[in-house]
Amino acid sequence: MGMAPSEFWQLTYAELRLVLEGCNERRRRELKFRRNMDAWLAAVIVQPHVKERITPAMLTGEDSAEKQKGRVVAAFDKAAKSKRLMRKTPDSKNLFKRGSNV
């Protein structure tokens, strides 16, 4: 916590709780910073050896749920758009046959 024993013993329970919450928050931020730096370094090292782009967020798992949700929604949108287009085409089976002029 970084305080002298005399300072510690003068704290009330509420003040002690606030000091501990601050220490925990600082520790969480430091760990997140280190994890992000490690992920960035790993992405830089791995990138030349893979075809698709690797980002630090892919390695840490951040935003993966959002991206996966976006990919699923995009796939459903694409399928729905294809179905709508197929319904709008009057004779989609004969569209590309020889001799058919549309």
Protein backbone atom coordinates (compact mmCIF):
# COMPACT_ATOMS: atom_id res chain seq x y z
CA MET A 1 0.00 0.00 0.00
CA GLY A 2 3.00 2.26 0.35
CA MET A 3 2.29 3.85 3.72
CA ALA A 4 4.00 3.91 7.06
CA PRO A 5 2.61 1.75 9.88
CA SER A 6 1.64 4.85 11.87
CA GLU A 7 -0.42 6.12 8.91
CA PHE A 8 -2.04 2.70 8.54
CA TRP A 9 -3.19 2.55 12.16
CA GLN A 10 -4.72 6.04 11.97
CA LEU A 11 -7.07 5.08 9.10
CA THR A 12 -10.74 4.41 9.67
CA TYR A 13 -12.34 1.33 8.08
CA ALA A 14 -13.89 3.45 5.32
CA GLU A 15 -10.54 5.08 4.52
CA LEU A 16 -8.79 1.71 4.57
CA ARG A 17 -11.38 0.32 2.16
CA LEU A 18 -10.81 3.26 -0.21
CA VAL A 19 -7.04 2.79 -0.06
CA LEU A 20 -7.38 -0.92 -0.81
CA GLU A 21 -9.79 -0.28 -3.70
CA GLY A 22 -7.31 2.23 -5.15
CA CYS A 23 -4.46 -0.26 -4.83
CA ASN A 24 -6.53 -2.98 -6.51
CA GLU A 25 -7.54 -0.65 -9.36
CA ARG A 26 -3.92 0.40 -9.92
CA ARG A 27 -2.86 -3.26 -9.98
CA ARG A 28 -5.62 -4.13 -12.49
CA ARG A 29 -4.52 -1.29 -14.78
CA GLU A 30 -0.88 -2.37 -14.59
CA LEU A 31 -1.76 -5.98 -15.40
CA LYS A 32 -3.97 -4.93 -18.31
CA PHE A 33 -1.18 -2.71 -19.66
CA ARG A 34 1.34 -5.56 -19.41
CA ARG A 35 -1.08 -8.01 -21.06
CA ASN A 36 -1.70 -5.58 -23.92
CA MET A 37 2.03 -5.00 -24.40
CA ASP A 38 2.68 -8.75 -24.45
CA ALA A 39 -0.15 -9.26 -26.95
CA TRP A 40 1.21 -6.48 -29.16
CA LEU A 41 4.68 -8.01 -29.12
CA ALA A 42 3.30 -11.48 -29.89
CA ALA A 43 1.24 -10.07 -32.77
CA VAL A 44 4.32 -8.35 -34.23
CA ILE A 45 6.34 -11.56 -33.98
CA VAL A 46 3.64 -13.85 -35.41
CA GLN A 47 2.38 -11.54 -38.19
CA PRO A 48 5.01 -12.39 -40.86
CA HIS A 49 4.21 -16.10 -40.51
CA VAL A 50 0.43 -16.04 -41.03
CA LYS A 51 -1.79 -15.02 -43.93
CA GLU A 52 -4.48 -13.07 -42.11
CA ARG A 53 -3.88 -9.99 -40.03
CA ILE A 54 -3.29 -10.67 -36.34
CA THR A 55 -4.18 -7.96 -33.84
CA PRO A 56 -3.43 -7.78 -30.12
CA ALA A 57 -7.18 -7.84 -29.42
CA MET A 58 -7.39 -11.21 -31.18
CA LEU A 59 -4.73 -12.60 -28.87
CA THR A 60 -6.16 -11.21 -25.64
CA GLY A 61 -9.76 -12.08 -26.49
CA GLU A 62 -10.97 -8.50 -26.15
CA ASP A 63 -13.86 -7.56 -28.41
CA SER A 64 -14.02 -11.10 -29.73
CA ALA A 65 -17.65 -11.49 -28.71
CA GLU A 66 -18.54 -8.24 -30.47
CA LYS A 67 -16.67 -9.23 -33.62
CA GLN A 68 -18.19 -12.71 -33.66
CA LYS A 69 -21.63 -11.22 -33.18
CA GLY A 70 -20.96 -8.82 -36.06
CA ARG A 71 -19.80 -11.66 -38.31
CA VAL A 72 -22.90 -13.72 -37.52
CA VAL A 73 -25.20 -10.76 -38.15
CA ALA A 74 -23.38 -10.02 -41.42
CA ALA A 75 -23.77 -13.64 -42.54
CA PHE A 76 -27.49 -13.59 -41.76
CA ASP A 77 -27.89 -10.27 -43.56
CA LYS A 78 -26.10 -11.65 -46.61
CA ALA A 79 -28.29 -14.78 -46.64
CA ALA A 80 -31.45 -12.70 -46.23
CA LYS A 81 -30.39 -10.37 -49.05
CA SER A 82 -29.73 -13.36 -51.32
CA LYS A 83 -33.18 -14.77 -50.56
CA ARG A 84 -34.82 -11.42 -51.31
CA LEU A 85 -32.96 -11.17 -54.61
CA MET A 86 -33.95 -14.72 -55.56
CA ARG A 87 -37.60 -13.91 -54.83
CA LYS A 88 -37.45 -10.75 -56.95
CA THR A 89 -35.99 -12.59 -59.94
CA PRO A 90 -38.96 -13.93 -61.95
CA ASP A 91 -37.31 -17.02 -63.37
CA SER A 92 -33.99 -17.38 -61.61
CA LYS A 93 -33.36 -20.93 -62.86
CA ASN A 94 -33.56 -19.95 -66.51
CA LEU A 95 -31.73 -16.66 -66.09
CA PHE A 96 -28.38 -17.85 -67.38
CA LYS A 97 -29.49 -20.30 -70.07
CA ARG A 98 -28.47 -19.75 -73.66
CA GLY A 99 -30.84 -17.85 -75.78
CA SER A 100 -32.68 -16.19 -72.92
CA ASN A 101 -32.84 -12.45 -73.37
CA VAL A 102 -33.93 -10.57 -70.34
